[in-house]
N, C-alpha and C. Protein backbone atom coordinates (compact mmCIF):
# COMPACT_ATOMS: atom_id res chain seq x y z
N UNK A 1 -17.41 -0.51 6.29
CA UNK A 1 -18.35 -1.36 5.55
C UNK A 1 -18.33 -0.93 4.04
N UNK A 2 -18.28 -1.90 3.15
CA UNK A 2 -18.38 -1.61 1.75
C UNK A 2 -19.60 -2.10 1.11
N UNK A 3 -20.02 -1.45 -0.03
CA UNK A 3 -21.18 -2.09 -0.73
C UNK A 3 -20.82 -3.32 -1.38
N UNK A 4 -21.88 -4.22 -1.58
CA UNK A 4 -21.78 -5.49 -2.30
C UNK A 4 -21.32 -5.19 -3.65
N UNK A 5 -20.68 -6.25 -4.26
CA UNK A 5 -20.17 -6.10 -5.59
C UNK A 5 -21.35 -5.95 -6.64
N UNK A 6 -22.51 -6.45 -6.37
CA UNK A 6 -23.56 -6.31 -7.42
C UNK A 6 -24.14 -4.81 -7.38
N UNK A 7 -23.84 -4.10 -6.30
CA UNK A 7 -24.28 -2.64 -6.35
C UNK A 7 -23.35 -1.70 -7.10
N UNK A 8 -22.20 -2.21 -7.43
CA UNK A 8 -21.15 -1.35 -8.01
C UNK A 8 -21.24 -1.36 -9.51
N UNK A 9 -21.15 -0.08 -10.13
CA UNK A 9 -21.17 -0.03 -11.55
C UNK A 9 -20.23 1.14 -11.89
N UNK A 10 -20.01 1.45 -13.22
CA UNK A 10 -19.12 2.47 -13.54
C UNK A 10 -20.03 3.78 -14.08
N UNK A 11 -19.42 4.96 -13.82
CA UNK A 11 -19.98 6.22 -14.24
C UNK A 11 -19.80 6.20 -15.74
N UNK A 12 -20.93 6.52 -16.37
CA UNK A 12 -20.86 6.60 -17.90
C UNK A 12 -19.89 7.70 -18.46
N UNK A 13 -19.68 8.69 -17.70
CA UNK A 13 -18.89 9.87 -18.19
C UNK A 13 -17.40 9.67 -17.79
N UNK A 14 -17.14 9.37 -16.50
CA UNK A 14 -15.73 9.34 -16.10
C UNK A 14 -15.15 7.93 -15.79
N UNK A 15 -16.09 6.92 -15.92
CA UNK A 15 -15.74 5.57 -15.78
C UNK A 15 -15.28 5.25 -14.28
N UNK A 16 -15.55 6.03 -13.32
CA UNK A 16 -15.27 5.77 -11.85
C UNK A 16 -16.18 4.75 -11.26
N UNK A 17 -15.82 4.00 -10.35
CA UNK A 17 -16.82 3.07 -9.66
C UNK A 17 -17.78 3.87 -8.82
N UNK A 18 -18.99 3.58 -9.01
CA UNK A 18 -20.11 4.26 -8.32
C UNK A 18 -21.20 3.24 -7.88
N UNK A 19 -22.00 3.60 -7.03
CA UNK A 19 -23.30 2.84 -6.60
C UNK A 19 -24.50 3.75 -6.70
N UNK A 20 -25.64 3.20 -6.98
CA UNK A 20 -26.92 4.04 -7.09
C UNK A 20 -27.57 3.63 -5.73
N UNK A 21 -28.09 4.71 -5.08
CA UNK A 21 -28.80 4.62 -3.79
C UNK A 21 -30.08 5.27 -3.90
N UNK A 22 -31.03 4.91 -3.13
CA UNK A 22 -32.27 5.82 -3.03
C UNK A 22 -32.21 6.62 -1.83
N UNK A 23 -32.60 7.90 -2.03
CA UNK A 23 -32.50 8.81 -0.91
C UNK A 23 -33.79 8.58 0.02
N UNK A 24 -33.48 8.63 1.40
CA UNK A 24 -34.53 8.31 2.36
C UNK A 24 -35.59 9.49 2.43
N UNK A 25 -35.08 10.69 1.89
CA UNK A 25 -36.04 11.81 1.97
C UNK A 25 -37.14 11.76 1.03
N UNK A 26 -36.87 11.45 -0.31
CA UNK A 26 -37.82 11.33 -1.37
C UNK A 26 -37.80 10.11 -2.28
N UNK A 27 -36.89 9.17 -2.10
CA UNK A 27 -36.84 8.08 -2.83
C UNK A 27 -36.30 8.24 -4.28
N UNK A 28 -35.56 9.32 -4.47
CA UNK A 28 -34.97 9.47 -5.78
C UNK A 28 -33.51 8.70 -5.83
N UNK A 29 -33.14 8.50 -6.97
CA UNK A 29 -31.81 7.73 -7.16
C UNK A 29 -30.75 8.77 -7.08
N UNK A 30 -29.58 8.36 -6.41
CA UNK A 30 -28.46 9.31 -6.35
C UNK A 30 -27.19 8.48 -6.38
N UNK A 31 -26.29 8.92 -7.34
CA UNK A 31 -25.07 8.21 -7.50
C UNK A 31 -24.02 8.55 -6.32
N UNK A 32 -23.48 7.49 -5.82
CA UNK A 32 -22.48 7.76 -4.70
C UNK A 32 -21.16 6.99 -5.12
N UNK A 33 -20.03 7.55 -4.54
CA UNK A 33 -18.84 6.88 -4.83
C UNK A 33 -18.84 5.52 -4.16
N UNK A 34 -18.27 4.51 -4.94
CA UNK A 34 -18.28 3.17 -4.27
C UNK A 34 -17.34 2.97 -3.08
N UNK A 35 -16.26 3.70 -3.04
CA UNK A 35 -15.44 3.58 -1.91
C UNK A 35 -15.84 4.45 -0.72
N UNK A 36 -15.93 3.87 0.48
CA UNK A 36 -16.21 4.71 1.64
C UNK A 36 -15.23 5.87 1.74
N UNK A 37 -15.70 6.97 2.31
CA UNK A 37 -14.91 8.24 2.32
C UNK A 37 -15.25 8.83 3.74
N UNK A 38 -14.18 9.02 4.58
CA UNK A 38 -14.40 9.70 5.88
C UNK A 38 -14.77 11.21 5.70
N UNK A 39 -14.59 11.80 4.55
CA UNK A 39 -14.93 13.21 4.27
C UNK A 39 -16.28 13.32 3.76
N UNK A 40 -16.91 12.26 3.48
CA UNK A 40 -18.23 12.30 2.75
C UNK A 40 -19.33 12.81 3.81
N UNK A 41 -20.34 13.31 3.04
CA UNK A 41 -21.44 13.95 3.76
C UNK A 41 -22.80 13.15 3.72
N UNK A 42 -22.58 11.82 3.29
CA UNK A 42 -23.70 10.91 3.11
C UNK A 42 -23.56 9.62 4.08
N UNK A 43 -24.57 9.12 4.59
CA UNK A 43 -24.58 7.89 5.27
C UNK A 43 -25.32 6.91 4.44
N UNK A 44 -24.73 5.75 4.06
CA UNK A 44 -25.29 4.78 3.19
C UNK A 44 -25.54 3.39 4.07
N UNK A 45 -26.64 2.84 3.78
CA UNK A 45 -26.96 1.54 4.51
C UNK A 45 -27.59 0.61 3.47
N UNK A 46 -27.56 -0.64 3.68
CA UNK A 46 -28.24 -1.62 2.79
C UNK A 46 -29.42 -2.08 3.48
N UNK A 47 -30.63 -1.88 2.77
CA UNK A 47 -31.93 -2.22 3.31
C UNK A 47 -32.22 -3.66 3.28
N UNK A 48 -33.29 -4.00 3.97
CA UNK A 48 -33.66 -5.50 3.98
C UNK A 48 -34.13 -6.00 2.66
N UNK A 49 -34.49 -5.11 1.73
CA UNK A 49 -34.88 -5.34 0.33
C UNK A 49 -33.68 -5.51 -0.56
N UNK A 50 -32.50 -5.35 -0.07
CA UNK A 50 -31.36 -5.43 -0.85
C UNK A 50 -30.93 -4.26 -1.56
N UNK A 51 -31.58 -3.07 -1.47
CA UNK A 51 -31.24 -1.87 -2.09
C UNK A 51 -30.45 -1.04 -1.16
N UNK A 52 -29.70 -0.05 -1.73
CA UNK A 52 -28.92 0.81 -0.94
C UNK A 52 -29.69 2.07 -0.61
N UNK A 53 -29.59 2.56 0.64
CA UNK A 53 -30.33 3.85 0.91
C UNK A 53 -29.34 4.85 1.43
N UNK A 54 -29.54 6.07 1.23
CA UNK A 54 -28.60 7.15 1.50
C UNK A 54 -29.36 8.17 2.19
N UNK A 55 -28.68 8.80 3.20
CA UNK A 55 -29.30 9.98 3.88
C UNK A 55 -28.14 11.00 4.14
N UNK A 56 -28.53 12.24 4.28
CA UNK A 56 -27.45 13.30 4.45
C UNK A 56 -27.04 13.44 5.91
N UNK A 57 -25.77 13.60 6.13
CA UNK A 57 -25.23 13.75 7.51
C UNK A 57 -25.45 15.13 7.81
N UNK A 58 -26.00 15.59 8.97
CA UNK A 58 -26.30 16.93 9.26
C UNK A 58 -25.66 17.35 10.50
N UNK A 59 -25.73 18.57 10.93
CA UNK A 59 -25.04 18.98 12.15
C UNK A 59 -25.71 18.27 13.45
N UNK A 60 -26.96 18.04 13.34
CA UNK A 60 -27.57 17.24 14.48
C UNK A 60 -27.23 15.78 14.49
N UNK A 61 -27.02 15.19 13.30
CA UNK A 61 -26.65 13.86 13.22
C UNK A 61 -25.38 13.76 12.27
N UNK A 62 -24.20 14.15 12.87
CA UNK A 62 -22.93 14.22 12.06
C UNK A 62 -22.33 12.81 11.81
N UNK A 63 -22.66 11.82 12.61
CA UNK A 63 -21.94 10.51 12.54
C UNK A 63 -22.91 9.44 11.96
N UNK A 64 -22.30 8.51 11.22
CA UNK A 64 -23.17 7.43 10.65
C UNK A 64 -23.66 6.48 11.83
N UNK A 65 -24.84 5.95 11.72
CA UNK A 65 -25.39 5.03 12.68
C UNK A 65 -24.67 3.65 12.51
N UNK A 66 -24.86 2.74 13.45
CA UNK A 66 -24.27 1.43 13.27
C UNK A 66 -24.88 0.76 11.99
N UNK A 67 -24.03 0.15 11.21
CA UNK A 67 -24.39 -0.50 10.06
C UNK A 67 -24.39 0.41 8.73
N UNK A 68 -24.11 1.73 8.96
CA UNK A 68 -23.88 2.61 7.91
C UNK A 68 -22.47 2.98 7.59
N UNK A 69 -22.15 3.45 6.42
CA UNK A 69 -20.89 3.93 6.16
C UNK A 69 -20.97 5.31 5.49
N UNK A 70 -19.93 6.09 5.55
CA UNK A 70 -19.82 7.42 4.99
C UNK A 70 -19.45 7.25 3.53
N UNK A 71 -20.12 8.13 2.75
CA UNK A 71 -19.72 8.11 1.26
C UNK A 71 -19.81 9.57 0.72
N UNK A 72 -19.25 9.82 -0.40
CA UNK A 72 -19.23 11.15 -1.02
C UNK A 72 -20.18 10.94 -2.22
N UNK A 73 -21.10 11.96 -2.50
CA UNK A 73 -21.89 11.95 -3.60
C UNK A 73 -21.03 12.02 -4.86
N UNK A 74 -21.37 11.25 -5.99
CA UNK A 74 -20.45 11.13 -7.04
C UNK A 74 -20.41 12.53 -7.92
N UNK A 75 -21.54 13.30 -7.82
CA UNK A 75 -21.50 14.59 -8.47
C UNK A 75 -20.45 15.57 -8.04
N UNK A 76 -20.02 15.25 -6.75
CA UNK A 76 -18.94 16.15 -6.11
C UNK A 76 -17.59 15.78 -6.80
N UNK A 77 -17.37 14.51 -7.04
CA UNK A 77 -16.10 13.99 -7.36
C UNK A 77 -15.96 13.58 -8.90
N UNK A 78 -17.01 13.70 -9.75
CA UNK A 78 -16.91 13.24 -11.05
C UNK A 78 -15.83 14.22 -11.84
N UNK A 79 -14.99 13.58 -12.51
CA UNK A 79 -13.89 14.36 -13.23
C UNK A 79 -14.35 14.69 -14.64
N UNK A 80 -15.37 14.23 -15.19
CA UNK A 80 -15.78 14.49 -16.50
C UNK A 80 -16.58 15.98 -16.49
N UNK A 81 -16.30 16.65 -17.54
CA UNK A 81 -16.93 17.99 -17.70
C UNK A 81 -18.48 17.81 -17.70
N UNK A 82 -19.24 18.78 -17.19
CA UNK A 82 -20.78 18.68 -17.24
C UNK A 82 -21.25 18.56 -18.68
N UNK A 83 -22.33 17.87 -18.90
CA UNK A 83 -22.81 17.77 -20.28
C UNK A 83 -23.31 18.99 -20.76
N UNK A 84 -23.15 19.26 -22.02
CA UNK A 84 -23.50 20.48 -22.66
C UNK A 84 -25.05 20.38 -23.27
N UNK A 85 -25.66 21.34 -23.36
CA UNK A 85 -26.99 21.39 -23.95
C UNK A 85 -26.71 21.40 -25.41
N UNK A 86 -27.39 20.49 -26.21
CA UNK A 86 -27.26 20.49 -27.63
C UNK A 86 -27.92 21.70 -28.31
N UNK A 87 -27.60 22.04 -29.45
CA UNK A 87 -28.12 23.27 -30.09
C UNK A 87 -29.60 22.94 -30.63
N UNK A 88 -29.86 21.64 -30.64
CA UNK A 88 -31.23 21.24 -31.08
C UNK A 88 -32.32 21.47 -29.92
N UNK A 89 -31.82 21.47 -28.73
CA UNK A 89 -32.84 21.61 -27.55
C UNK A 89 -33.19 23.14 -27.46
N UNK A 90 -34.49 23.28 -27.37
CA UNK A 90 -35.04 24.71 -27.32
C UNK A 90 -35.16 25.00 -25.86
N UNK A 91 -34.92 26.28 -25.52
CA UNK A 91 -35.22 26.74 -24.18
C UNK A 91 -36.65 27.08 -24.07
N UNK A 92 -37.20 26.72 -22.88
CA UNK A 92 -38.59 26.96 -22.80
C UNK A 92 -38.63 28.38 -22.20
N UNK A 93 -39.70 29.04 -22.84
CA UNK A 93 -39.97 30.44 -22.45
C UNK A 93 -40.94 30.63 -21.38
N UNK A 94 -41.62 29.50 -20.98
CA UNK A 94 -42.57 29.59 -19.93
C UNK A 94 -44.02 29.77 -20.37
N UNK A 95 -44.10 30.11 -21.67
CA UNK A 95 -45.41 30.43 -22.22
C UNK A 95 -45.72 29.49 -23.37
N UNK A 96 -46.80 28.86 -23.34
CA UNK A 96 -47.19 27.90 -24.43
C UNK A 96 -48.13 28.70 -25.38
N UNK A 97 -47.84 28.54 -26.70
CA UNK A 97 -48.72 29.30 -27.57
C UNK A 97 -49.83 28.36 -27.88
N UNK A 98 -50.95 29.07 -28.04
CA UNK A 98 -52.25 28.41 -28.42
C UNK A 98 -52.07 27.81 -29.89
N UNK A 99 -52.88 26.75 -30.33
CA UNK A 99 -52.68 26.22 -31.56
C UNK A 99 -52.83 27.28 -32.78
N UNK A 100 -53.60 28.25 -32.49
CA UNK A 100 -53.78 29.22 -33.62
C UNK A 100 -52.74 30.22 -33.60
N UNK A 101 -51.83 30.27 -32.66
CA UNK A 101 -50.76 31.19 -32.50
C UNK A 101 -49.43 30.63 -33.00
N UNK A 102 -49.41 29.42 -33.24
CA UNK A 102 -48.15 28.67 -33.63
C UNK A 102 -47.62 29.26 -34.96
N UNK A 103 -46.30 29.63 -34.90
CA UNK A 103 -45.80 30.20 -36.16
C UNK A 103 -45.16 29.07 -37.04
N UNK A 104 -45.43 29.04 -38.30
CA UNK A 104 -44.77 28.03 -39.15
C UNK A 104 -43.65 28.60 -39.88
């Protein structure tokens, strides 16, 4: 099974075809490769609301259920180098200074 064409978009960094799916564990968005992959560790299904949902394949449930297809997370296959932190971003030290302690 393949995702519908309205779900497919391109990765902004490597321009590969991807789909965005919601994780069943916590509802966060996760990019997945648009092409089904037998080596993938994700099971993707289309919900009744028209959205894609993804769950991890585990040792207890290693096979996709009927109506699901296997996919690879795009983070594992993206060919673009990871984004660099800009020099303007400060690293957080974990301690916030009180207003009277702020150095100018």
